[in-house]
Amino acid sequence: MSGPDSPEDPRAYVHAVIDAYVRLPATPARARREDRRLATELHARGVPFAVVETALLLGTVRKARPPTGATPLTTIRSLHYFLPVIEEILRDPPPAPYIDYLREVMAEWTQANAEPQGRREPVPAHVRKNTFLDER
C-alpha cells in the first residue's frame, strides 16, 4: 500500500497534508517550517490522512460560517489551528454524509470567493503631484 496514509512513506504523507492545507482558501499560499514539522509529527503519531483532511475541511467551514453573532476570525496562519479539530475527529469521527456535506460547502464557498476570470490590472491611485517645495 502506498500513498498519504502509508506508514512507509512519510514524505508523501507530509506532502499531501501540506498540499491540502495550502490549497484552502483561508490559509497562506506557502507552508511554514512549523507546519511541515507538525505534519511529520501527525504521521509519526499514526494519524490517518483522511482524518487530517476532514479536520481541514471542518475547521475551514467553521471559520467561514461562524455561529450567529460571533466575531469573524482572521486568516488561518498555521496548521496548528487544526490540531483541536483533529483531536475531536479522532475521538468522534463524523459520518461520511457529513464529510460530503463539508466538501459541498467548501466548494460553494471557494466558488463564491473566487476572483473573476483572469487577473485584474492594478488601477493607479489618483495622486496630485506638486513639484514645488513650500520650504522658504
Protein backbone atom coordinates (compact mmCIF):
# COMPACT_ATOMS: atom_id res chain seq x y z
CA MET A 1 0.00 0.00 0.00
CA SER A 2 1.34 3.43 -0.83
CA GLY A 3 0.00 6.94 -0.69
CA PRO A 4 -0.52 9.55 2.01
CA ASP A 5 -1.89 7.02 4.54
CA SER A 6 1.03 4.65 4.08
CA PRO A 7 3.27 4.43 7.15
CA GLU A 8 6.19 3.52 4.87
CA ASP A 9 6.06 6.82 3.03
CA PRO A 10 6.23 9.76 5.45
CA ARG A 11 7.32 12.18 2.71
CA ALA A 12 4.17 11.51 0.67
CA TYR A 13 2.04 11.96 3.79
CA VAL A 14 3.68 15.27 4.73
CA HIS A 15 3.44 16.49 1.14
CA ALA A 16 -0.27 15.55 0.96
CA VAL A 17 -1.05 17.28 4.27
CA ILE A 18 0.81 20.45 3.33
CA ASP A 19 -0.73 20.49 -0.15
CA ALA A 20 -4.24 20.11 1.29
CA TYR A 21 -3.51 22.86 3.84
CA VAL A 22 -2.18 25.48 1.42
CA ARG A 23 -5.00 24.86 -1.06
CA LEU A 24 -7.58 26.01 1.47
CA PRO A 25 -8.98 29.47 0.77
CA ALA A 26 -8.24 30.88 4.24
CA THR A 27 -4.60 29.80 4.55
CA PRO A 28 -1.24 31.14 3.37
CA ALA A 29 -0.01 30.13 -0.08
CA ARG A 30 3.14 28.63 1.46
CA ALA A 31 3.56 26.42 4.49
CA ARG A 32 5.97 27.32 7.25
CA ARG A 33 8.63 25.08 8.73
CA GLU A 34 6.44 24.55 11.81
CA ASP A 35 3.60 23.32 9.57
CA ARG A 36 5.86 20.71 7.99
CA ARG A 37 7.12 19.68 11.42
CA LEU A 38 3.54 19.22 12.63
CA ALA A 39 2.65 17.15 9.56
CA THR A 40 5.66 14.94 10.30
CA GLU A 41 4.52 14.57 13.92
CA LEU A 42 1.00 13.65 12.79
CA HIS A 43 2.47 10.92 10.60
CA ALA A 44 4.63 9.66 13.46
CA ARG A 45 1.53 9.51 15.69
CA GLY A 46 -0.23 7.45 13.03
CA VAL A 47 -3.00 9.97 12.32
CA PRO A 48 -4.61 8.87 9.05
CA PHE A 49 -4.54 11.39 6.22
CA ALA A 50 -8.33 11.11 5.92
CA VAL A 51 -8.65 12.42 9.49
CA VAL A 52 -6.38 15.37 8.73
CA GLU A 53 -8.24 16.12 5.51
CA THR A 54 -11.58 16.03 7.33
CA ALA A 55 -10.20 18.32 10.05
CA LEU A 56 -9.02 20.80 7.40
CA LEU A 57 -12.50 20.83 5.86
CA LEU A 58 -14.34 21.08 9.17
CA GLY A 59 -12.06 23.76 10.61
CA THR A 60 -12.25 25.88 7.47
CA VAL A 61 -16.04 25.59 7.19
CA ARG A 62 -16.38 26.54 10.85
CA LYS A 63 -14.22 29.57 10.18
CA ALA A 64 -16.17 30.52 7.06
CA ARG A 65 -19.52 30.16 8.82
CA PRO A 66 -19.09 31.29 12.42
CA PRO A 67 -22.09 31.00 14.76
CA THR A 68 -24.56 33.86 14.58
CA GLY A 69 -23.26 36.86 16.46
CA ALA A 70 -19.69 35.53 16.61
CA THR A 71 -16.81 37.72 15.52
CA PRO A 72 -15.36 36.53 12.20
CA LEU A 73 -11.88 35.09 12.60
CA THR A 74 -8.81 36.27 10.74
CA THR A 75 -6.85 34.21 8.25
CA ILE A 76 -5.65 30.80 9.40
CA ARG A 77 -1.88 31.20 9.67
CA SER A 78 -0.77 27.78 10.86
CA LEU A 79 -1.59 24.11 10.53
CA HIS A 80 -1.64 24.10 14.34
CA TYR A 81 -5.06 25.82 14.12
CA PHE A 82 -6.48 22.42 13.13
CA LEU A 83 -4.97 20.37 15.99
CA PRO A 84 -8.06 20.59 18.24
CA VAL A 85 -10.26 19.62 15.29
CA ILE A 86 -8.01 16.63 14.52
CA GLU A 87 -8.30 15.51 18.17
CA GLU A 88 -12.08 15.96 18.02
CA ILE A 89 -12.34 13.83 14.88
CA LEU A 90 -10.10 11.12 16.36
CA ARG A 91 -12.43 10.94 19.40
CA ASP A 92 -15.69 11.13 17.43
CA PRO A 93 -15.41 10.69 13.64
CA PRO A 94 -18.21 12.33 11.67
CA PRO A 95 -20.36 10.17 9.37
CA ALA A 96 -19.45 10.01 5.68
CA PRO A 97 -22.52 12.02 4.53
CA TYR A 98 -21.44 14.89 6.79
CA ILE A 99 -17.95 14.89 5.25
CA ASP A 100 -19.58 15.02 1.79
CA TYR A 101 -21.65 17.98 3.01
CA LEU A 102 -18.46 19.73 4.17
CA ARG A 103 -16.93 19.22 0.73
CA GLU A 104 -20.03 20.79 -0.89
CA VAL A 105 -19.95 23.77 1.47
CA MET A 106 -16.23 24.26 0.78
CA ALA A 107 -16.79 24.09 -2.98
CA GLU A 108 -19.60 26.67 -2.78
CA TRP A 109 -17.52 28.96 -0.57
CA THR A 110 -14.48 28.67 -2.83
CA GLN A 111 -16.58 29.38 -5.91
CA ALA A 112 -18.30 32.38 -4.29
CA ASN A 113 -14.99 33.89 -3.22
CA ALA A 114 -13.09 33.16 -6.43
CA GLU A 115 -11.68 36.07 -8.40
CA PRO A 116 -13.38 36.84 -11.70
CA GLN A 117 -11.90 35.26 -14.79
CA GLY A 118 -8.36 36.47 -15.38
CA ARG A 119 -6.32 38.86 -13.29
CA ARG A 120 -7.45 42.38 -12.79
CA GLU A 121 -4.97 45.04 -13.74
CA PRO A 122 -3.97 47.35 -10.91
CA VAL A 123 -5.64 50.72 -11.02
CA PRO A 124 -3.27 53.63 -10.41
CA ALA A 125 -4.11 55.85 -7.47
CA HIS A 126 -5.10 59.40 -8.20
CA VAL A 127 -2.24 61.40 -6.75
CA ARG A 128 -1.75 65.10 -7.09
CA LYS A 129 1.90 65.76 -7.65
CA ASN A 130 3.41 69.05 -6.61
CA THR A 131 6.85 69.89 -7.82
CA PHE A 132 7.27 72.95 -5.63
CA LEU A 133 8.51 72.81 -2.09
CA ASP A 134 6.87 75.05 0.44
CA GLU A 135 10.13 75.46 2.27
CA ARG A 136 11.32 79.07 2.22
